Each structure stands twice: as C-alpha cells, then as structure tokens.
C-alpha cells in the first residue's frame, strides 16, 4: 500500500489558490508555499482523503499528496497532477544545457 507524504499549503498562498480560476492539467507549485506534514498510508489519494476527512488534520484545498515522486494536489474538483517549480537556471544545470554559455565581455570571459 502506498505511503503518501502530505505537504500542507501555507495560509497566505492558500487564500490566493482558493480564489484563483480553475485550470485543468498539471499544476506547477512552489516548495516555499508548503510546510511538511505527516504521512498517511492508503491505496489511493482519494482513500487518503477519506481517511483524514474526520481527523483533526483533514486535507484542505491546495494540499499535496506525494508518493513515489508523483504529486497530486487537492482542488475543488478532486486530485490533479502537480509538479514542483524548478527555476530556469537550475533546470538548465540539471539537464546539462550548455546554451547558457558566457557572453563575450562578461567577467571571466575572453573578448
């Protein structure tokens, strides 16, 4: 049975998330908007939601369940796919992209 890590959305970003228009498809989320939570063991994300519904810490709109690298964000319509925001510079470094080569005239480069 999968173990889900709960990421709780902080209050200020949650208010923006609640009033933002619904978008379908993958949601890009920022790690800084979340606090680490506990874990819950359940067969599916919906089963985790049901298990926590009557507890002292139920899942709320904007909270994320993470299992095996897959993120699912709770929206009014249910759970949808999500992914962590990765800044462009970090994404280029991770991908080994060399297109961001130094420009002539910058410090540390030959002219």
Protein backbone atom coordinates (compact mmCIF):
# COMPACT_ATOMS: atom_id res chain seq x y z
CA UNK A 1 0.00 0.00 0.00
CA UNK A 2 1.47 3.40 -0.96
CA UNK A 3 2.71 5.80 1.70
CA UNK A 4 1.74 9.41 0.97
CA UNK A 5 3.81 12.35 2.23
CA UNK A 6 1.49 15.27 2.98
CA UNK A 7 2.59 18.80 2.04
CA UNK A 8 0.33 21.40 3.70
CA UNK A 9 -0.12 24.69 1.85
CA UNK A 10 0.66 27.76 3.97
CA UNK A 11 -2.26 30.09 4.75
CA UNK A 12 -1.36 33.07 2.53
CA UNK A 13 -0.78 31.05 -0.67
CA UNK A 14 -3.92 29.03 0.13
CA UNK A 15 -6.06 32.17 0.01
CA UNK A 16 -4.67 33.02 -3.45
CA UNK A 17 -5.16 29.41 -4.58
CA UNK A 18 -8.77 29.33 -3.36
CA UNK A 19 -9.78 32.41 -5.35
CA UNK A 20 -7.74 31.74 -8.49
CA UNK A 21 -9.65 30.44 -11.53
CA UNK A 22 -9.54 26.69 -12.02
CA UNK A 23 -7.04 25.44 -14.55
CA UNK A 24 -7.02 21.91 -15.83
CA UNK A 25 -3.92 19.88 -16.38
CA UNK A 26 -0.69 19.81 -14.42
CA UNK A 27 -0.33 22.46 -11.69
CA UNK A 28 3.12 23.93 -11.04
CA UNK A 29 3.67 24.51 -7.31
CA UNK A 30 6.46 26.15 -5.34
CA UNK A 31 8.05 24.32 -2.43
CA UNK A 32 8.24 27.58 -0.42
CA UNK A 33 4.41 27.66 -0.30
CA UNK A 34 4.26 24.36 1.60
CA UNK A 35 5.07 23.01 5.03
CA UNK A 36 5.97 19.37 5.52
CA UNK A 37 3.23 17.34 7.10
CA UNK A 38 2.84 13.78 8.26
CA UNK A 39 2.38 10.66 6.20
CA UNK A 40 -0.67 8.52 5.56
CA UNK A 41 -0.86 5.01 4.17
CA UNK A 42 -3.69 4.42 1.72
CA UNK A 43 -4.29 2.59 -1.58
CA UNK A 44 -5.15 5.82 -3.46
CA UNK A 45 -5.08 9.59 -2.93
CA UNK A 46 -8.87 9.57 -2.54
CA UNK A 47 -8.65 6.86 0.13
CA UNK A 48 -6.11 9.05 1.97
CA UNK A 49 -8.52 11.99 1.74
CA UNK A 50 -11.36 9.87 3.17
CA UNK A 51 -9.13 8.53 5.97
CA UNK A 52 -8.13 12.06 7.01
CA UNK A 53 -11.56 13.66 6.49
CA UNK A 54 -12.78 13.03 10.04
CA UNK A 55 -9.41 13.59 11.73
CA UNK A 56 -8.05 16.66 13.50
CA UNK A 57 -5.95 17.44 10.38
CA UNK A 58 -8.08 16.81 7.26
CA UNK A 59 -6.70 17.63 3.82
CA UNK A 60 -7.64 21.09 2.59
CA UNK A 61 -7.78 22.71 -0.84
CA UNK A 62 -4.21 23.19 -2.11
CA UNK A 63 -2.63 20.43 -0.03
CA UNK A 64 -0.43 17.94 -1.86
CA UNK A 65 -0.01 14.20 -1.52
CA UNK A 66 3.34 12.84 -2.73
CA UNK A 67 4.00 9.18 -3.36
CA UNK A 68 6.90 7.67 -5.29
CA UNK A 69 7.78 11.06 -6.79
CA UNK A 70 4.26 11.70 -8.05
CA UNK A 71 2.46 14.80 -6.75
CA UNK A 72 -1.33 15.11 -6.53
CA UNK A 73 -2.84 18.47 -5.50
CA UNK A 74 -6.29 18.69 -3.92
CA UNK A 75 -8.61 21.03 -5.82
CA UNK A 76 -12.35 21.60 -5.57
CA UNK A 77 -12.91 19.03 -8.30
CA UNK A 78 -10.64 16.38 -6.75
CA UNK A 79 -6.96 15.50 -7.09
CA UNK A 80 -4.96 16.59 -10.13
CA UNK A 81 -1.34 16.18 -11.20
CA UNK A 82 1.21 18.66 -9.92
CA UNK A 83 4.95 19.22 -10.15
CA UNK A 84 7.45 21.31 -8.25
CA UNK A 85 8.54 24.59 -9.85
CA UNK A 86 12.18 24.47 -10.97
CA UNK A 87 13.82 27.81 -11.86
CA UNK A 88 15.17 28.02 -15.41
CA UNK A 89 18.81 28.30 -14.36
CA UNK A 90 18.57 25.20 -12.19
CA UNK A 91 16.70 23.33 -14.92
CA UNK A 92 19.48 24.10 -17.41
CA UNK A 93 22.17 22.91 -15.00
CA UNK A 94 20.30 19.69 -14.27
CA UNK A 95 19.77 19.00 -17.96
CA UNK A 96 23.41 19.76 -18.73
CA UNK A 97 22.32 22.51 -21.13
CA UNK A 98 25.31 24.42 -22.45
CA UNK A 99 23.25 27.00 -24.35
CA UNK A 100 23.67 29.44 -21.46
CA UNK A 101 27.35 29.94 -22.29
CA UNK A 102 29.02 33.16 -21.12
CA UNK A 103 28.65 36.18 -23.37
CA UNK A 104 31.79 37.95 -24.63
CA UNK A 105 32.64 40.89 -22.43
CA UNK A 106 31.28 39.34 -19.23
CA UNK A 107 33.56 39.00 -16.26
CA UNK A 108 35.73 35.94 -16.53
CA UNK A 109 35.49 35.57 -20.32
CA UNK A 110 37.95 36.44 -23.04
CA UNK A 111 36.95 39.12 -25.54
